Amino acid sequence: MTVSTGLDMIDEKYTVRGAAQVLDVVTETVRRYIREGSLQAEKIRVKGKKEVWLIDAADIERFRNGGAKRK
């Protein structure tokens, strides 16, 4: 169950916009982190939309703490 925090979350995963809010950066910076491989994310197709990136809350926390990438 996901608790509403006012951020864009789906099943303990953040959208790019939600991750940007948590990391206090703009969305393009989050996309760059994903492209560079600094932040793990998965691309999924959502009904009614094209594709969205989802980032695990745990991966965001690891990234914030300067931890290693998840494999």
N, C-alpha and C. Protein backbone atom coordinates (compact mmCIF):
# COMPACT_ATOMS: atom_id res chain seq x y z
N MET A 1 0.84 -1.19 0.00
CA MET A 1 0.00 0.00 0.00
C MET A 1 0.88 1.25 0.00
N THR A 2 0.52 2.20 -0.78
CA THR A 2 1.28 3.44 -0.88
C THR A 2 0.56 4.54 -0.12
N VAL A 3 1.28 5.22 0.71
CA VAL A 3 0.72 6.36 1.45
C VAL A 3 0.91 7.61 0.61
N SER A 4 -0.11 8.40 0.47
CA SER A 4 -0.02 9.61 -0.32
C SER A 4 0.85 10.64 0.39
N THR A 5 1.88 11.08 -0.31
CA THR A 5 2.78 12.08 0.26
C THR A 5 2.71 13.40 -0.50
N GLY A 6 1.83 13.45 -1.50
CA GLY A 6 1.76 14.65 -2.33
C GLY A 6 2.77 14.60 -3.47
N LEU A 7 3.59 13.54 -3.51
CA LEU A 7 4.55 13.37 -4.59
C LEU A 7 4.03 12.30 -5.53
N ASP A 8 4.49 12.31 -6.75
CA ASP A 8 4.04 11.31 -7.72
C ASP A 8 4.68 9.97 -7.41
N MET A 9 3.89 9.04 -6.86
CA MET A 9 4.38 7.71 -6.51
C MET A 9 3.42 6.66 -7.03
N ILE A 10 3.98 5.52 -7.43
CA ILE A 10 3.21 4.35 -7.83
C ILE A 10 3.88 3.15 -7.18
N ASP A 11 3.21 2.51 -6.22
CA ASP A 11 3.74 1.31 -5.57
C ASP A 11 5.18 1.47 -5.09
N GLU A 12 5.41 2.46 -4.25
CA GLU A 12 6.74 2.71 -3.67
C GLU A 12 7.79 3.11 -4.71
N LYS A 13 7.33 3.58 -5.85
CA LYS A 13 8.24 4.06 -6.89
C LYS A 13 7.83 5.47 -7.26
N TYR A 14 8.82 6.29 -7.50
CA TYR A 14 8.58 7.69 -7.87
C TYR A 14 8.62 7.86 -9.38
N THR A 15 7.82 8.77 -9.87
CA THR A 15 7.95 9.21 -11.25
C THR A 15 9.15 10.16 -11.30
N VAL A 16 9.53 10.57 -12.49
CA VAL A 16 10.63 11.52 -12.63
C VAL A 16 10.30 12.81 -11.88
N ARG A 17 9.06 13.26 -11.99
CA ARG A 17 8.67 14.50 -11.30
C ARG A 17 8.75 14.33 -9.78
N GLY A 18 8.27 13.20 -9.27
CA GLY A 18 8.34 12.95 -7.83
C GLY A 18 9.78 12.85 -7.35
N ALA A 19 10.62 12.17 -8.12
CA ALA A 19 12.04 12.05 -7.76
C ALA A 19 12.71 13.42 -7.75
N ALA A 20 12.35 14.26 -8.71
CA ALA A 20 12.93 15.60 -8.77
C ALA A 20 12.56 16.40 -7.52
N GLN A 21 11.32 16.24 -7.05
CA GLN A 21 10.89 16.95 -5.85
C GLN A 21 11.67 16.46 -4.63
N VAL A 22 11.85 15.14 -4.53
CA VAL A 22 12.57 14.58 -3.39
C VAL A 22 14.03 15.02 -3.41
N LEU A 23 14.64 15.02 -4.60
CA LEU A 23 16.06 15.37 -4.72
C LEU A 23 16.28 16.88 -4.82
N ASP A 24 15.21 17.65 -4.92
CA ASP A 24 15.28 19.11 -5.02
C ASP A 24 16.07 19.55 -6.25
N VAL A 25 15.73 18.93 -7.39
CA VAL A 25 16.33 19.28 -8.67
C VAL A 25 15.20 19.37 -9.70
N VAL A 26 15.51 19.83 -10.90
CA VAL A 26 14.51 19.86 -11.97
C VAL A 26 14.41 18.49 -12.62
N THR A 27 13.30 18.24 -13.31
CA THR A 27 13.09 16.92 -13.90
C THR A 27 14.17 16.53 -14.90
N GLU A 28 14.68 17.48 -15.65
CA GLU A 28 15.72 17.14 -16.64
C GLU A 28 16.98 16.62 -15.95
N THR A 29 17.27 17.10 -14.75
CA THR A 29 18.43 16.60 -14.01
C THR A 29 18.22 15.14 -13.64
N VAL A 30 17.02 14.78 -13.22
CA VAL A 30 16.73 13.37 -12.90
C VAL A 30 16.89 12.52 -14.16
N ARG A 31 16.39 13.00 -15.29
CA ARG A 31 16.54 12.25 -16.55
C ARG A 31 18.02 12.08 -16.89
N ARG A 32 18.83 13.09 -16.63
CA ARG A 32 20.27 12.99 -16.90
C ARG A 32 20.91 11.95 -15.98
N TYR A 33 20.54 11.96 -14.70
CA TYR A 33 21.05 10.95 -13.78
C TYR A 33 20.72 9.54 -14.28
N ILE A 34 19.51 9.36 -14.81
CA ILE A 34 19.10 8.05 -15.34
C ILE A 34 19.93 7.70 -16.56
N ARG A 35 20.08 8.65 -17.49
CA ARG A 35 20.87 8.40 -18.71
C ARG A 35 22.30 8.03 -18.38
N GLU A 36 22.88 8.73 -17.42
CA GLU A 36 24.28 8.49 -17.02
C GLU A 36 24.45 7.19 -16.24
N GLY A 37 23.35 6.64 -15.75
CA GLY A 37 23.43 5.43 -14.95
C GLY A 37 23.67 5.69 -13.47
N SER A 38 23.61 6.96 -13.07
CA SER A 38 23.81 7.32 -11.67
C SER A 38 22.60 6.97 -10.81
N LEU A 39 21.43 6.91 -11.44
CA LEU A 39 20.19 6.63 -10.73
C LEU A 39 19.45 5.53 -11.49
N GLN A 40 19.18 4.43 -10.81
CA GLN A 40 18.47 3.31 -11.41
C GLN A 40 17.01 3.66 -11.63
N ALA A 41 16.46 3.25 -12.78
CA ALA A 41 15.05 3.48 -13.08
C ALA A 41 14.60 2.43 -14.08
N GLU A 42 13.30 2.22 -14.12
CA GLU A 42 12.75 1.32 -15.13
C GLU A 42 11.69 2.05 -15.93
N LYS A 43 11.66 1.76 -17.22
CA LYS A 43 10.69 2.41 -18.10
C LYS A 43 9.52 1.44 -18.26
N ILE A 44 8.32 1.94 -18.00
CA ILE A 44 7.12 1.12 -18.17
C ILE A 44 6.10 1.87 -19.01
N ARG A 45 5.21 1.10 -19.63
CA ARG A 45 4.12 1.69 -20.39
C ARG A 45 2.91 1.79 -19.47
N VAL A 46 2.32 2.96 -19.42
CA VAL A 46 1.15 3.21 -18.59
C VAL A 46 -0.03 3.47 -19.53
N LYS A 47 -1.14 2.81 -19.24
CA LYS A 47 -2.33 2.98 -20.08
C LYS A 47 -2.69 4.46 -20.19
N GLY A 48 -2.91 4.90 -21.40
CA GLY A 48 -3.28 6.29 -21.63
C GLY A 48 -2.10 7.23 -21.76
N LYS A 49 -0.90 6.72 -21.52
CA LYS A 49 0.32 7.53 -21.66
C LYS A 49 1.30 6.74 -22.50
N LYS A 50 2.36 7.38 -22.88
CA LYS A 50 3.40 6.64 -23.60
C LYS A 50 4.16 5.79 -22.60
N GLU A 51 5.35 6.14 -22.28
CA GLU A 51 6.14 5.40 -21.31
C GLU A 51 6.59 6.35 -20.23
N VAL A 52 6.74 5.83 -19.02
CA VAL A 52 7.22 6.64 -17.91
C VAL A 52 8.36 5.92 -17.22
N TRP A 53 9.25 6.70 -16.65
CA TRP A 53 10.33 6.16 -15.83
C TRP A 53 9.83 6.08 -14.40
N LEU A 54 10.12 4.96 -13.73
CA LEU A 54 9.80 4.81 -12.32
C LEU A 54 11.09 4.50 -11.57
N ILE A 55 11.27 5.14 -10.44
CA ILE A 55 12.49 5.01 -9.63
C ILE A 55 12.08 4.52 -8.25
N ASP A 56 12.68 3.42 -7.80
CA ASP A 56 12.41 2.89 -6.46
C ASP A 56 12.79 3.91 -5.40
N ALA A 57 11.95 4.02 -4.38
CA ALA A 57 12.24 4.93 -3.27
C ALA A 57 13.59 4.59 -2.64
N ALA A 58 13.91 3.29 -2.54
CA ALA A 58 15.19 2.87 -1.95
C ALA A 58 16.37 3.33 -2.81
N ASP A 59 16.20 3.33 -4.13
CA ASP A 59 17.28 3.79 -5.02
C ASP A 59 17.50 5.29 -4.88
N ILE A 60 16.43 6.03 -4.67
CA ILE A 60 16.57 7.47 -4.46
C ILE A 60 17.32 7.72 -3.15
N GLU A 61 16.97 6.97 -2.12
CA GLU A 61 17.64 7.13 -0.82
C GLU A 61 19.13 6.79 -0.94
N ARG A 62 19.45 5.70 -1.66
CA ARG A 62 20.86 5.33 -1.88
C ARG A 62 21.58 6.44 -2.63
N PHE A 63 20.93 6.98 -3.65
CA PHE A 63 21.53 8.05 -4.44
C PHE A 63 21.80 9.27 -3.57
N ARG A 64 20.83 9.63 -2.74
CA ARG A 64 20.99 10.79 -1.85
C ARG A 64 22.14 10.61 -0.88
N ASN A 65 22.37 9.38 -0.47
CA ASN A 65 23.43 9.08 0.48
C ASN A 65 24.75 8.75 -0.19
N GLY A 66 24.80 8.89 -1.52
CA GLY A 66 26.04 8.64 -2.25
C GLY A 66 26.39 7.17 -2.33
N GLY A 67 25.40 6.28 -2.16
CA GLY A 67 25.65 4.84 -2.16
C GLY A 67 25.84 4.29 -3.55
N ALA A 68 26.22 3.05 -3.59
CA ALA A 68 26.45 2.35 -4.86
C ALA A 68 25.13 2.07 -5.55
N LYS A 69 25.22 1.89 -6.88
CA LYS A 69 24.04 1.58 -7.66
C LYS A 69 23.59 0.16 -7.37
N ARG A 70 22.28 -0.05 -7.46
CA ARG A 70 21.69 -1.39 -7.31
C ARG A 70 21.93 -2.15 -8.60
N LYS A 71 22.15 -3.46 -8.48
CA LYS A 71 22.34 -4.28 -9.69
C LYS A 71 21.16 -5.13 -9.94
